[in-house]
N, C-alpha and C. Protein backbone atom coordinates (compact mmCIF):
# COMPACT_ATOMS: atom_id res chain seq x y z
N MET A 1 0.83 -1.19 0.00
CA MET A 1 0.00 0.00 0.00
C MET A 1 0.88 1.26 0.00
N ARG A 2 1.96 1.24 0.81
CA ARG A 2 2.84 2.41 0.85
C ARG A 2 3.55 2.63 -0.48
N ARG A 3 3.88 1.54 -1.14
CA ARG A 3 4.57 1.67 -2.42
C ARG A 3 3.67 2.31 -3.47
N ALA A 4 2.41 1.91 -3.49
CA ALA A 4 1.46 2.52 -4.43
C ALA A 4 1.27 4.00 -4.11
N ALA A 5 1.26 4.33 -2.82
CA ALA A 5 1.14 5.74 -2.43
C ALA A 5 2.36 6.53 -2.89
N LEU A 6 3.55 5.93 -2.82
CA LEU A 6 4.75 6.62 -3.28
C LEU A 6 4.76 6.82 -4.79
N VAL A 7 4.24 5.84 -5.52
CA VAL A 7 4.13 6.00 -6.98
C VAL A 7 3.19 7.16 -7.30
N LEU A 8 2.05 7.21 -6.62
CA LEU A 8 1.10 8.32 -6.84
C LEU A 8 1.70 9.65 -6.41
N LEU A 9 2.47 9.65 -5.33
CA LEU A 9 3.13 10.87 -4.88
C LEU A 9 4.15 11.35 -5.92
N GLY A 10 4.90 10.43 -6.49
CA GLY A 10 5.85 10.78 -7.55
C GLY A 10 5.15 11.38 -8.76
N LEU A 11 4.04 10.79 -9.14
CA LEU A 11 3.24 11.31 -10.25
C LEU A 11 2.76 12.73 -9.94
N TYR A 12 2.27 12.92 -8.73
CA TYR A 12 1.75 14.22 -8.30
C TYR A 12 2.85 15.28 -8.28
N VAL A 13 4.01 14.94 -7.72
CA VAL A 13 5.12 15.90 -7.65
C VAL A 13 5.60 16.26 -9.05
N CYS A 14 5.62 15.30 -9.96
CA CYS A 14 6.04 15.59 -11.33
C CYS A 14 5.08 16.54 -12.02
N VAL A 15 3.79 16.28 -11.91
CA VAL A 15 2.80 17.15 -12.57
C VAL A 15 2.82 18.54 -11.96
N LEU A 16 2.92 18.63 -10.63
CA LEU A 16 3.01 19.94 -9.99
C LEU A 16 4.28 20.68 -10.42
N GLY A 17 5.39 19.96 -10.50
CA GLY A 17 6.64 20.56 -10.97
C GLY A 17 6.53 21.06 -12.40
N ALA A 18 5.82 20.30 -13.23
CA ALA A 18 5.63 20.72 -14.62
C ALA A 18 4.84 22.01 -14.71
N VAL A 19 3.91 22.21 -13.80
CA VAL A 19 3.12 23.45 -13.79
C VAL A 19 3.96 24.61 -13.24
N VAL A 20 4.67 24.37 -12.16
CA VAL A 20 5.37 25.45 -11.45
C VAL A 20 6.66 25.87 -12.14
N HIS A 21 7.32 24.98 -12.89
CA HIS A 21 8.65 25.29 -13.41
C HIS A 21 8.68 26.45 -14.39
N ARG A 22 7.56 26.87 -14.91
CA ARG A 22 7.53 27.98 -15.88
C ARG A 22 7.59 29.36 -15.22
N HIS A 23 7.47 29.44 -13.91
CA HIS A 23 7.46 30.73 -13.23
C HIS A 23 8.87 31.31 -13.14
N VAL A 24 9.00 32.58 -13.49
CA VAL A 24 10.30 33.26 -13.44
C VAL A 24 10.15 34.63 -12.80
N TRP A 25 11.22 35.10 -12.21
CA TRP A 25 11.34 36.49 -11.78
C TRP A 25 12.19 37.19 -12.81
N VAL A 26 11.81 38.38 -13.18
CA VAL A 26 12.63 39.17 -14.10
C VAL A 26 13.25 40.30 -13.30
N VAL A 27 14.57 40.24 -13.15
CA VAL A 27 15.31 41.26 -12.40
C VAL A 27 16.44 41.75 -13.29
N GLY A 28 16.43 43.03 -13.59
CA GLY A 28 17.48 43.60 -14.42
C GLY A 28 17.51 43.03 -15.82
N GLY A 29 16.38 42.62 -16.33
CA GLY A 29 16.31 42.07 -17.68
C GLY A 29 16.73 40.61 -17.77
N ILE A 30 16.99 39.98 -16.62
CA ILE A 30 17.39 38.57 -16.59
C ILE A 30 16.27 37.74 -15.99
N ASP A 31 15.93 36.64 -16.64
CA ASP A 31 14.91 35.72 -16.12
C ASP A 31 15.54 34.78 -15.10
N TRP A 32 15.01 34.79 -13.88
CA TRP A 32 15.46 33.88 -12.83
C TRP A 32 14.39 32.82 -12.63
N PRO A 33 14.66 31.58 -13.00
CA PRO A 33 13.64 30.53 -12.98
C PRO A 33 13.40 29.95 -11.58
N TRP A 34 12.73 30.71 -10.74
CA TRP A 34 12.50 30.24 -9.37
C TRP A 34 11.58 29.02 -9.34
N GLY A 35 10.68 28.93 -10.29
CA GLY A 35 9.77 27.79 -10.33
C GLY A 35 10.50 26.49 -10.63
N ALA A 36 11.45 26.54 -11.56
CA ALA A 36 12.23 25.34 -11.88
C ALA A 36 13.10 24.93 -10.70
N ALA A 37 13.71 25.90 -10.05
CA ALA A 37 14.54 25.60 -8.88
C ALA A 37 13.70 24.97 -7.77
N LEU A 38 12.53 25.52 -7.53
CA LEU A 38 11.64 24.98 -6.50
C LEU A 38 11.19 23.56 -6.86
N ALA A 39 10.83 23.34 -8.11
CA ALA A 39 10.38 22.01 -8.54
C ALA A 39 11.48 20.97 -8.38
N VAL A 40 12.71 21.33 -8.71
CA VAL A 40 13.83 20.40 -8.58
C VAL A 40 14.12 20.11 -7.12
N LEU A 41 14.13 21.14 -6.28
CA LEU A 41 14.40 20.94 -4.85
C LEU A 41 13.32 20.09 -4.19
N VAL A 42 12.07 20.33 -4.53
CA VAL A 42 10.98 19.54 -3.95
C VAL A 42 11.07 18.08 -4.40
N ALA A 43 11.36 17.86 -5.68
CA ALA A 43 11.49 16.48 -6.18
C ALA A 43 12.60 15.75 -5.43
N TYR A 44 13.73 16.42 -5.21
CA TYR A 44 14.84 15.79 -4.48
C TYR A 44 14.47 15.52 -3.03
N ALA A 45 13.88 16.51 -2.37
CA ALA A 45 13.54 16.36 -0.96
C ALA A 45 12.53 15.24 -0.74
N VAL A 46 11.52 15.17 -1.57
CA VAL A 46 10.50 14.14 -1.40
C VAL A 46 11.06 12.76 -1.76
N ALA A 47 11.93 12.69 -2.76
CA ALA A 47 12.55 11.41 -3.10
C ALA A 47 13.44 10.91 -1.96
N VAL A 48 14.21 11.80 -1.36
CA VAL A 48 15.07 11.41 -0.23
C VAL A 48 14.21 10.97 0.95
N ALA A 49 13.17 11.72 1.26
CA ALA A 49 12.29 11.35 2.37
C ALA A 49 11.61 10.01 2.11
N SER A 50 11.24 9.75 0.88
CA SER A 50 10.63 8.47 0.54
C SER A 50 11.60 7.32 0.77
N GLY A 51 12.87 7.55 0.42
CA GLY A 51 13.88 6.52 0.62
C GLY A 51 14.17 6.25 2.08
N VAL A 52 14.02 7.26 2.92
CA VAL A 52 14.26 7.09 4.36
C VAL A 52 13.10 6.35 5.02
N LEU A 53 11.89 6.64 4.60
CA LEU A 53 10.71 6.10 5.25
C LEU A 53 10.34 4.68 4.83
N VAL A 54 10.58 4.34 3.57
CA VAL A 54 10.16 3.04 3.04
C VAL A 54 11.35 2.41 2.32
N ARG A 55 11.53 1.10 2.51
CA ARG A 55 12.60 0.42 1.80
C ARG A 55 12.33 0.53 0.30
N LEU A 56 13.32 0.98 -0.44
CA LEU A 56 13.22 1.25 -1.88
C LEU A 56 12.17 2.33 -2.18
N GLY A 57 11.87 3.16 -1.20
CA GLY A 57 10.86 4.20 -1.38
C GLY A 57 11.23 5.21 -2.44
N ALA A 58 12.52 5.57 -2.50
CA ALA A 58 12.95 6.53 -3.52
C ALA A 58 12.75 5.96 -4.92
N ALA A 59 12.96 4.66 -5.07
CA ALA A 59 12.77 4.03 -6.38
C ALA A 59 11.29 4.02 -6.77
N TRP A 60 10.41 3.75 -5.81
CA TRP A 60 8.97 3.77 -6.10
C TRP A 60 8.52 5.19 -6.44
N PHE A 61 9.04 6.19 -5.71
CA PHE A 61 8.75 7.59 -6.01
C PHE A 61 9.23 7.92 -7.43
N ALA A 62 10.45 7.49 -7.76
CA ALA A 62 11.02 7.76 -9.08
C ALA A 62 10.19 7.13 -10.19
N LEU A 63 9.65 5.95 -9.93
CA LEU A 63 8.79 5.31 -10.92
C LEU A 63 7.56 6.17 -11.21
N GLY A 64 6.91 6.66 -10.18
CA GLY A 64 5.76 7.54 -10.37
C GLY A 64 6.13 8.83 -11.06
N TRP A 65 7.29 9.38 -10.69
CA TRP A 65 7.75 10.63 -11.29
C TRP A 65 8.02 10.43 -12.78
N ALA A 66 8.67 9.32 -13.13
CA ALA A 66 8.97 9.03 -14.53
C ALA A 66 7.70 8.79 -15.35
N VAL A 67 6.75 8.08 -14.77
CA VAL A 67 5.47 7.86 -15.46
C VAL A 67 4.77 9.20 -15.71
N GLY A 68 4.82 10.09 -14.73
CA GLY A 68 4.23 11.41 -14.91
C GLY A 68 4.88 12.19 -16.03
N LEU A 69 6.20 12.17 -16.08
CA LEU A 69 6.91 12.90 -17.12
C LEU A 69 6.65 12.30 -18.50
N LEU A 70 6.67 10.98 -18.58
CA LEU A 70 6.41 10.33 -19.87
C LEU A 70 4.97 10.54 -20.31
N ALA A 71 4.03 10.53 -19.38
CA ALA A 71 2.63 10.77 -19.74
C ALA A 71 2.46 12.18 -20.30
N LEU A 72 3.19 13.14 -19.73
CA LEU A 72 3.11 14.50 -20.26
C LEU A 72 3.69 14.58 -21.67
N GLN A 73 4.78 13.87 -21.92
CA GLN A 73 5.44 13.93 -23.22
C GLN A 73 4.69 13.16 -24.30
N TRP A 74 4.06 12.04 -23.92
CA TRP A 74 3.41 11.18 -24.90
C TRP A 74 1.94 11.50 -25.11
N SER A 75 1.45 12.56 -24.50
CA SER A 75 0.06 12.92 -24.70
C SER A 75 -0.15 13.37 -26.15
N PRO A 76 -1.35 13.22 -26.68
CA PRO A 76 -1.60 13.64 -28.06
C PRO A 76 -1.28 15.12 -28.25
N GLY A 77 -0.48 15.42 -29.24
CA GLY A 77 -0.11 16.81 -29.49
C GLY A 77 1.10 17.25 -28.70
N GLY A 78 1.73 16.35 -27.96
CA GLY A 78 2.91 16.71 -27.18
C GLY A 78 2.53 17.32 -25.84
N SER A 79 3.54 17.74 -25.12
CA SER A 79 3.32 18.29 -23.79
C SER A 79 2.98 19.77 -23.87
N TYR A 80 1.94 20.16 -23.16
CA TYR A 80 1.60 21.57 -23.07
C TYR A 80 2.25 22.21 -21.86
N LEU A 81 2.70 21.40 -20.91
CA LEU A 81 3.28 21.93 -19.67
C LEU A 81 4.79 22.08 -19.75
N VAL A 82 5.47 21.15 -20.40
CA VAL A 82 6.93 21.18 -20.49
C VAL A 82 7.31 21.47 -21.94
N ALA A 83 7.65 22.71 -22.21
CA ALA A 83 7.99 23.13 -23.57
C ALA A 83 9.42 22.70 -23.91
N ALA A 84 9.72 22.64 -25.19
CA ALA A 84 11.05 22.25 -25.65
C ALA A 84 11.95 23.48 -25.76
N ASP A 85 12.09 24.22 -24.65
CA ASP A 85 13.00 25.35 -24.60
C ASP A 85 13.98 25.12 -23.46
N TRP A 86 14.84 26.10 -23.18
CA TRP A 86 15.86 25.91 -22.15
C TRP A 86 15.26 25.65 -20.78
N LEU A 87 14.13 26.28 -20.51
CA LEU A 87 13.50 26.10 -19.21
C LEU A 87 12.88 24.70 -19.08
N GLY A 88 12.23 24.24 -20.11
CA GLY A 88 11.63 22.91 -20.10
C GLY A 88 12.68 21.80 -20.03
N TRP A 89 13.72 21.94 -20.86
CA TRP A 89 14.79 20.94 -20.83
C TRP A 89 15.56 21.00 -19.52
N GLY A 90 15.77 22.19 -19.01
CA GLY A 90 16.47 22.32 -17.72
C GLY A 90 15.70 21.65 -16.60
N PHE A 91 14.38 21.86 -16.58
CA PHE A 91 13.55 21.20 -15.57
C PHE A 91 13.60 19.69 -15.73
N THR A 92 13.46 19.21 -16.94
CA THR A 92 13.43 17.76 -17.18
C THR A 92 14.74 17.10 -16.79
N VAL A 93 15.85 17.62 -17.27
CA VAL A 93 17.15 16.99 -17.03
C VAL A 93 17.57 17.11 -15.57
N SER A 94 17.40 18.30 -14.99
CA SER A 94 17.84 18.47 -13.59
C SER A 94 16.95 17.69 -12.63
N SER A 95 15.66 17.64 -12.87
CA SER A 95 14.77 16.84 -12.01
C SER A 95 15.09 15.36 -12.14
N LEU A 96 15.31 14.91 -13.36
CA LEU A 96 15.69 13.52 -13.56
C LEU A 96 16.99 13.21 -12.82
N GLY A 97 17.94 14.12 -12.91
CA GLY A 97 19.22 13.92 -12.23
C GLY A 97 19.10 13.81 -10.73
N VAL A 98 18.32 14.70 -10.11
CA VAL A 98 18.21 14.66 -8.65
C VAL A 98 17.39 13.46 -8.17
N VAL A 99 16.40 13.04 -8.96
CA VAL A 99 15.63 11.86 -8.57
C VAL A 99 16.50 10.61 -8.66
N VAL A 100 17.29 10.49 -9.72
CA VAL A 100 18.21 9.35 -9.83
C VAL A 100 19.25 9.40 -8.72
N LEU A 101 19.76 10.57 -8.40
CA LEU A 101 20.72 10.71 -7.30
C LEU A 101 20.11 10.27 -5.98
N ALA A 102 18.87 10.64 -5.74
CA ALA A 102 18.20 10.24 -4.50
C ALA A 102 18.02 8.73 -4.43
N VAL A 103 17.72 8.11 -5.56
CA VAL A 103 17.58 6.65 -5.58
C VAL A 103 18.92 5.98 -5.30
N LEU A 104 19.98 6.48 -5.92
CA LEU A 104 21.30 5.87 -5.74
C LEU A 104 21.86 6.06 -4.34
N LYS A 105 21.51 7.16 -3.69
CA LYS A 105 22.03 7.45 -2.35
C LYS A 105 21.07 7.04 -1.24
N SER A 106 20.01 6.34 -1.59
CA SER A 106 19.00 5.95 -0.61
C SER A 106 19.61 5.05 0.46
N PRO A 107 19.37 5.36 1.74
CA PRO A 107 19.97 4.57 2.81
C PRO A 107 19.41 3.16 2.92
N ARG A 108 18.24 2.93 2.41
CA ARG A 108 17.62 1.60 2.50
C ARG A 108 17.66 0.86 1.16
N LEU A 109 18.58 1.25 0.29
CA LEU A 109 18.67 0.59 -1.00
C LEU A 109 19.15 -0.85 -0.84
N VAL A 110 20.03 -1.08 0.12
CA VAL A 110 20.55 -2.42 0.39
C VAL A 110 20.00 -2.87 1.73
N SER A 111 19.47 -4.08 1.79
CA SER A 111 18.90 -4.56 3.05
C SER A 111 19.97 -5.06 4.00
């Protein structure tokens, strides 16, 4: 039951991150992507917490997160939330990196 909840949590965090990552602050003519930074930090924090609380929890979270990202990309007409620009690719690659890092560094990865 906990594993299914972690998969759903990963899906939820991914979709929320896809919505939030487009937010930017414009200061001095420079776009600061605070939404992407927040989405990446939240994905990492929740993945780490999942790994601490449940054995292989980070991996189950990552599965849900990956399903969410692939569902967004494979929807008819492509993704409306994650555009193919620097911000969209930055969110995708950096979030994927931190989720994989959380899985690899999970304290309960080995029994």
